[in-house]
PDB file of N, CA and C in Angstrom:
ATOM      1  N   LYS A   1      -3.413  11.040 -11.083  1.00  0.00           N
ATOM      2  CA  LYS A   1      -4.557  10.570 -10.340  1.00  0.00           C
ATOM      3  C   LYS A   1      -4.712   9.082 -10.618  1.00  0.00           C
ATOM      4  N   LEU A   2      -5.100   8.326  -9.596  1.00  0.00           N
ATOM      5  CA  LEU A   2      -5.283   6.883  -9.723  1.00  0.00           C
ATOM      6  C   LEU A   2      -6.739   6.510  -9.509  1.00  0.00           C
ATOM      7  N   THR A   3      -7.108   5.401 -10.095  1.00  0.00           N
ATOM      8  CA  THR A   3      -8.417   4.821  -9.855  1.00  0.00           C
ATOM      9  C   THR A   3      -8.215   3.382  -9.408  1.00  0.00           C
ATOM     10  N   THR A   4      -9.209   2.802  -8.795  1.00  0.00           N
ATOM     11  CA  THR A   4      -9.095   1.413  -8.357  1.00  0.00           C
ATOM     12  C   THR A   4      -9.905   0.520  -9.274  1.00  0.00           C
ATOM     13  N   TRP A   5      -9.490  -0.737  -9.334  1.00  0.00           N
ATOM     14  CA  TRP A   5     -10.139  -1.710 -10.185  1.00  0.00           C
ATOM     15  C   TRP A   5      -9.979  -3.062  -9.521  1.00  0.00           C
ATOM     16  N   VAL A   6     -11.055  -3.803  -9.419  1.00  0.00           N
ATOM     17  CA  VAL A   6     -11.017  -5.125  -8.804  1.00  0.00           C
ATOM     18  C   VAL A   6     -11.224  -6.160  -9.896  1.00  0.00           C
ATOM     19  N   MET A   7     -10.315  -7.154  -9.941  1.00  0.00           N
ATOM     20  CA  MET A   7     -10.446  -8.233 -10.921  1.00  0.00           C
ATOM     21  C   MET A   7     -10.173  -9.547 -10.214  1.00  0.00           C
ATOM     22  N   LEU A   8     -11.190 -10.353 -10.087  1.00  0.00           N
ATOM     23  CA  LEU A   8     -11.075 -11.674  -9.472  1.00  0.00           C
ATOM     24  C   LEU A   8     -10.494 -11.613  -8.063  1.00  0.00           C
ATOM     25  N   GLY A   9     -10.824 -10.593  -7.321  1.00  0.00           N
ATOM     26  CA  GLY A   9     -10.414 -10.512  -5.928  1.00  0.00           C
ATOM     27  C   GLY A   9      -9.424  -9.414  -5.614  1.00  0.00           C
ATOM     28  N   PRO A  10      -8.231  -9.399  -6.261  1.00  0.00           N
ATOM     29  CA  PRO A  10      -7.243  -8.374  -5.896  1.00  0.00           C
ATOM     30  C   PRO A  10      -7.678  -6.972  -6.329  1.00  0.00           C
ATOM     31  N   LEU A  11      -7.248  -6.001  -5.586  1.00  0.00           N
ATOM     32  CA  LEU A  11      -7.505  -4.601  -5.902  1.00  0.00           C
ATOM     33  C   LEU A  11      -6.279  -4.039  -6.604  1.00  0.00           C
ATOM     34  N   PHE A  12      -6.485  -3.368  -7.721  1.00  0.00           N
ATOM     35  CA  PHE A  12      -5.393  -2.784  -8.492  1.00  0.00           C
ATOM     36  C   PHE A  12      -5.545  -1.271  -8.529  1.00  0.00           C
ATOM     37  N   LEU A  13      -4.427  -0.566  -8.579  1.00  0.00           N
ATOM     38  CA  LEU A  13      -4.416   0.873  -8.817  1.00  0.00           C
ATOM     39  C   LEU A  13      -3.985   1.101 -10.244  1.00  0.00           C
ATOM     40  N   MET A  14      -4.705   1.976 -10.936  1.00  0.00           N
ATOM     41  CA  MET A  14      -4.381   2.276 -12.325  1.00  0.00           C
ATOM     42  C   MET A  14      -4.450   3.783 -12.539  1.00  0.00           C
ATOM     43  N   PRO A  15      -3.591   4.316 -13.411  1.00  0.00           N
ATOM     44  CA  PRO A  15      -3.683   5.738 -13.734  1.00  0.00           C
ATOM     45  C   PRO A  15      -5.013   6.024 -14.439  1.00  0.00           C
ATOM     46  N   THR A  16      -5.516   7.217 -14.264  1.00  0.00           N
ATOM     47  CA  THR A  16      -6.738   7.632 -14.946  1.00  0.00           C
ATOM     48  C   THR A  16      -6.485   8.966 -15.642  1.00  0.00           C
ATOM     49  N   PRO A  17      -7.079   9.172 -16.805  1.00  0.00           N
ATOM     50  CA  PRO A  17      -6.915  10.461 -17.492  1.00  0.00           C
ATOM     51  C   PRO A  17      -7.794  11.561 -16.892  1.00  0.00           C
ATOM     52  N   GLU A  18      -8.668  11.192 -15.958  1.00  0.00           N
ATOM     53  CA  GLU A  18      -9.559  12.172 -15.351  1.00  0.00           C
ATOM     54  C   GLU A  18      -8.774  13.130 -14.454  1.00  0.00           C
ATOM     55  N   SER A  19      -9.158  14.390 -14.491  1.00  0.00           N
ATOM     56  CA  SER A  19      -8.512  15.351 -13.598  1.00  0.00           C
ATOM     57  C   SER A  19      -9.238  15.348 -12.264  1.00  0.00           C
ATOM     58  N   GLY A  20      -8.552  15.796 -11.264  1.00  0.00           N
ATOM     59  CA  GLY A  20      -9.157  15.837  -9.943  1.00  0.00           C
ATOM     60  C   GLY A  20      -8.112  16.116  -8.890  1.00  0.00           C
ATOM     61  N   PRO A  21      -8.521  16.102  -7.626  1.00  0.00           N
ATOM     62  CA  PRO A  21      -7.583  16.404  -6.541  1.00  0.00           C
ATOM     63  C   PRO A  21      -6.533  15.311  -6.389  1.00  0.00           C
ATOM     64  N   THR A  22      -5.410  15.682  -5.850  1.00  0.00           N
ATOM     65  CA  THR A  22      -4.335  14.723  -5.592  1.00  0.00           C
ATOM     66  C   THR A  22      -4.112  14.622  -4.088  1.00  0.00           C
ATOM     67  N   GLN A  23      -3.437  13.582  -3.678  1.00  0.00           N
ATOM     68  CA  GLN A  23      -3.096  13.368  -2.272  1.00  0.00           C
ATOM     69  C   GLN A  23      -1.593  13.522  -2.111  1.00  0.00           C
ATOM     70  N   ASP A  24      -1.168  14.153  -1.051  1.00  0.00           N
ATOM     71  CA  ASP A  24       0.257  14.250  -0.760  1.00  0.00           C
ATOM     72  C   ASP A  24       0.800  12.869  -0.413  1.00  0.00           C
ATOM     73  N   LEU A  25       2.037  12.615  -0.785  1.00  0.00           N
ATOM     74  CA  LEU A  25       2.708  11.376  -0.420  1.00  0.00           C
ATOM     75  C   LEU A  25       3.063  11.446   1.062  1.00  0.00           C
ATOM     76  N   ILE A  26       2.666  10.440   1.806  1.00  0.00           N
ATOM     77  CA  ILE A  26       2.967  10.374   3.234  1.00  0.00           C
ATOM     78  C   ILE A  26       3.957   9.241   3.456  1.00  0.00           C
ATOM     79  N   MET A  27       5.068   9.556   4.065  1.00  0.00           N
ATOM     80  CA  MET A  27       6.086   8.551   4.336  1.00  0.00           C
ATOM     81  C   MET A  27       5.747   7.804   5.623  1.00  0.00           C
ATOM     82  N   TRP A  28       6.242   6.582   5.733  1.00  0.00           N
ATOM     83  CA  TRP A  28       5.991   5.735   6.900  1.00  0.00           C
ATOM     84  C   TRP A  28       6.339   6.469   8.193  1.00  0.00           C
ATOM     85  N   ASN A  29       7.476   7.142   8.209  1.00  0.00           N
ATOM     86  CA  ASN A  29       7.915   7.837   9.426  1.00  0.00           C
ATOM     87  C   ASN A  29       7.050   9.047   9.763  1.00  0.00           C
ATOM     88  N   GLN A  30       6.258   9.526   8.807  1.00  0.00           N
ATOM     89  CA  GLN A  30       5.370  10.653   9.064  1.00  0.00           C
ATOM     90  C   GLN A  30       4.047  10.216   9.691  1.00  0.00           C
ATOM     91  N   LEU A  31       3.734   8.924   9.626  1.00  0.00           N
ATOM     92  CA  LEU A  31       2.503   8.440  10.248  1.00  0.00           C
ATOM     93  C   LEU A  31       2.607   8.573  11.759  1.00  0.00           C
ATOM     94  N   PRO A  32       1.509   8.869  12.418  1.00  0.00           N
ATOM     95  CA  PRO A  32       1.531   8.898  13.886  1.00  0.00           C
ATOM     96  C   PRO A  32       1.904   7.519  14.434  1.00  0.00           C
ATOM     97  N   ASP A  33       2.519   7.493  15.603  1.00  0.00           N
ATOM     98  CA  ASP A  33       2.900   6.217  16.220  1.00  0.00           C
ATOM     99  C   ASP A  33       1.724   5.255  16.302  1.00  0.00           C
ATOM    100  N   ALA A  34       0.551   5.779  16.637  1.00  0.00           N
ATOM    101  CA  ALA A  34      -0.633   4.916  16.766  1.00  0.00           C
ATOM    102  C   ALA A  34      -0.986   4.251  15.437  1.00  0.00           C
ATOM    103  N   ALA A  35      -0.832   4.962  14.335  1.00  0.00           N
ATOM    104  CA  ALA A  35      -1.140   4.391  13.017  1.00  0.00           C
ATOM    105  C   ALA A  35      -0.138   3.304  12.652  1.00  0.00           C
ATOM    106  N   ARG A  36       1.159   3.563  12.871  1.00  0.00           N
ATOM    107  CA  ARG A  36       2.179   2.543  12.567  1.00  0.00           C
ATOM    108  C   ARG A  36       1.979   1.309  13.436  1.00  0.00           C
ATOM    109  N   THR A  37       1.687   1.507  14.704  1.00  0.00           N
ATOM    110  CA  THR A  37       1.452   0.380  15.607  1.00  0.00           C
ATOM    111  C   THR A  37       0.251  -0.429  15.144  1.00  0.00           C
ATOM    112  N   ALA A  38      -0.814   0.249  14.763  1.00  0.00           N
ATOM    113  CA  ALA A  38      -2.013  -0.456  14.300  1.00  0.00           C
ATOM    114  C   ALA A  38      -1.725  -1.266  13.043  1.00  0.00           C
ATOM    115  N   LEU A  39      -0.997  -0.698  12.091  1.00  0.00           N
ATOM    116  CA  LEU A  39      -0.684  -1.424  10.857  1.00  0.00           C
ATOM    117  C   LEU A  39       0.266  -2.590  11.112  1.00  0.00           C
ATOM    118  N   ASN A  40       1.091  -2.485  12.129  1.00  0.00           N
ATOM    119  CA  ASN A  40       2.027  -3.562  12.463  1.00  0.00           C
ATOM    120  C   ASN A  40       1.391  -4.673  13.287  1.00  0.00           C
ATOM    121  N   THR A  41       0.333  -4.377  14.031  1.00  0.00           N
ATOM    122  CA  THR A  41      -0.180  -5.360  14.986  1.00  0.00           C
ATOM    123  C   THR A  41      -1.609  -5.822  14.739  1.00  0.00           C
ATOM    124  N   ALA A  42      -2.385  -5.102  13.952  1.00  0.00           N
ATOM    125  CA  ALA A  42      -3.788  -5.476  13.732  1.00  0.00           C
ATOM    126  C   ALA A  42      -3.876  -6.782  12.947  1.00  0.00           C
ATOM    127  N   ASP A  43      -4.911  -7.556  13.223  1.00  0.00           N
ATOM    128  CA  ASP A  43      -5.159  -8.804  12.502  1.00  0.00           C
ATOM    129  C   ASP A  43      -6.069  -8.490  11.321  1.00  0.00           C
ATOM    130  N   PHE A  44      -5.519  -8.560  10.126  1.00  0.00           N
ATOM    131  CA  PHE A  44      -6.281  -8.297   8.913  1.00  0.00           C
ATOM    132  C   PHE A  44      -6.736  -9.593   8.253  1.00  0.00           C
ATOM    133  N   GLY A  45      -6.728 -10.673   9.000  1.00  0.00           N
ATOM    134  CA  GLY A  45      -7.138 -11.963   8.450  1.00  0.00           C
ATOM    135  C   GLY A  45      -6.140 -12.436   7.414  1.00  0.00           C
ATOM    136  N   ALA A  46      -6.630 -12.824   6.245  1.00  0.00           N
ATOM    137  CA  ALA A  46      -5.760 -13.326   5.177  1.00  0.00           C
ATOM    138  C   ALA A  46      -5.018 -12.204   4.457  1.00  0.00           C
ATOM    139  N   ALA A  47      -5.439 -10.966   4.659  1.00  0.00           N
ATOM    140  CA  ALA A  47      -4.793  -9.834   3.994  1.00  0.00           C
ATOM    141  C   ALA A  47      -3.483  -9.492   4.696  1.00  0.00           C
ATOM    142  N   HIS A  48      -2.509  -9.047   3.922  1.00  0.00           N
ATOM    143  CA  HIS A  48      -1.209  -8.645   4.459  1.00  0.00           C
ATOM    144  C   HIS A  48      -0.971  -7.185   4.099  1.00  0.00           C
ATOM    145  N   VAL A  49      -0.645  -6.373   5.091  1.00  0.00           N
ATOM    146  CA  VAL A  49      -0.322  -4.969   4.836  1.00  0.00           C
ATOM    147  C   VAL A  49       1.064  -4.940   4.192  1.00  0.00           C
ATOM    148  N   PRO A  50       1.169  -4.531   2.919  1.00  0.00           N
ATOM    149  CA  PRO A  50       2.455  -4.617   2.229  1.00  0.00           C
ATOM    150  C   PRO A  50       3.490  -3.609   2.702  1.00  0.00           C
ATOM    151  N   PHE A  51       3.075  -2.576   3.406  1.00  0.00           N
ATOM    152  CA  PHE A  51       4.010  -1.518   3.781  1.00  0.00           C
ATOM    153  C   PHE A  51       4.265  -1.450   5.275  1.00  0.00           C
ATOM    154  N   ASN A  52       3.970  -2.515   6.031  1.00  0.00           N
ATOM    155  CA  ASN A  52       4.306  -2.476   7.454  1.00  0.00           C
ATOM    156  C   ASN A  52       5.717  -3.025   7.667  1.00  0.00           C
ATOM    157  N   ASP A  53       6.196  -2.964   8.885  1.00  0.00           N
ATOM    158  CA  ASP A  53       7.578  -3.366   9.169  1.00  0.00           C
ATOM    159  C   ASP A  53       7.857  -4.822   8.807  1.00  0.00           C
ATOM    160  N   ALA A  54       6.868  -5.701   8.983  1.00  0.00           N
ATOM    161  CA  ALA A  54       7.082  -7.131   8.740  1.00  0.00           C
ATOM    162  C   ALA A  54       7.114  -7.489   7.262  1.00  0.00           C
ATOM    163  N   ASN A  55       6.472  -6.706   6.402  1.00  0.00           N
ATOM    164  CA  ASN A  55       6.321  -7.097   4.999  1.00  0.00           C
ATOM    165  C   ASN A  55       7.031  -6.212   3.991  1.00  0.00           C
ATOM    166  N   PHE A  56       7.421  -5.011   4.364  1.00  0.00           N
ATOM    167  CA  PHE A  56       7.898  -4.038   3.385  1.00  0.00           C
ATOM    168  C   PHE A  56       9.127  -4.498   2.613  1.00  0.00           C
ATOM    169  N   GLU A  57      10.156  -4.953   3.304  1.00  0.00           N
ATOM    170  CA  GLU A  57      11.397  -5.340   2.622  1.00  0.00           C
ATOM    171  C   GLU A  57      11.150  -6.449   1.600  1.00  0.00           C
ATOM    172  N   GLN A  58      10.360  -7.459   1.968  1.00  0.00           N
ATOM    173  CA  GLN A  58      10.078  -8.556   1.044  1.00  0.00           C
ATOM    174  C   GLN A  58       9.274  -8.063  -0.155  1.00  0.00           C
ATOM    175  N   LYS A  59       8.287  -7.227   0.074  1.00  0.00           N
ATOM    176  CA  LYS A  59       7.478  -6.693  -1.028  1.00  0.00           C
ATOM    177  C   LYS A  59       8.327  -5.825  -1.945  1.00  0.00           C
ATOM    178  N   LEU A  60       9.259  -5.087  -1.391  1.00  0.00           N
ATOM    179  CA  LEU A  60      10.155  -4.272  -2.199  1.00  0.00           C
ATOM    180  C   LEU A  60      11.027  -5.161  -3.076  1.00  0.00           C
ATOM    181  N   LYS A  61      11.572  -6.239  -2.514  1.00  0.00           N
ATOM    182  CA  LYS A  61      12.378  -7.183  -3.295  1.00  0.00           C
ATOM    183  C   LYS A  61      11.557  -7.809  -4.414  1.00  0.00           C
ATOM    184  N   GLU A  62      10.311  -8.168  -4.124  1.00  0.00           N
ATOM    185  CA  GLU A  62       9.440  -8.787  -5.123  1.00  0.00           C
ATOM    186  C   GLU A  62       9.087  -7.830  -6.254  1.00  0.00           C
ATOM    187  N   SER A  63       9.183  -6.533  -6.016  1.00  0.00           N
ATOM    188  CA  SER A  63       8.799  -5.562  -7.036  1.00  0.00           C
ATOM    189  C   SER A  63       9.856  -5.399  -8.123  1.00  0.00           C
ATOM    190  N   PHE A  64      11.076  -5.857  -7.885  1.00  0.00           N
ATOM    191  CA  PHE A  64      12.134  -5.764  -8.883  1.00  0.00           C
ATOM    192  C   PHE A  64      12.083  -7.002  -9.765  1.00  0.00           C
ATOM    193  N   ILE A  65      11.479  -6.865 -10.948  1.00  0.00           N
ATOM    194  CA  ILE A  65      11.269  -8.027 -11.807  1.00  0.00           C
ATOM    195  C   ILE A  65      12.513  -8.415 -12.602  1.00  0.00           C
ATOM    196  N   LEU A  66      13.516  -7.564 -12.652  1.00  0.00           N
ATOM    197  CA  LEU A  66      14.698  -7.833 -13.472  1.00  0.00           C
ATOM    198  C   LEU A  66      15.872  -8.353 -12.660  1.00  0.00           C
ATOM    199  N   GLN A  67      15.609  -9.156 -11.667  1.00  0.00           N
ATOM    200  CA  GLN A  67      16.699  -9.691 -10.853  1.00  0.00           C
ATOM    201  C   GLN A  67      17.084 -11.062 -11.325  1.00  0.00           C
TER     202      GLN A  67
END
């Protein structure tokens, strides 16, 4: 189970020892077409959707700290 934490603006996910319900993992291809289109085309201002088609590959590369 994860909890959220905000520090100086960014939102972080952190594990929590609390028990509770879990969410199934949903893959990008399992999202309805309308949801994928919205995440790819909506204007989120300064925020960037890290898992849309335009940003995913770069965010994945950035996540490997031992390169």
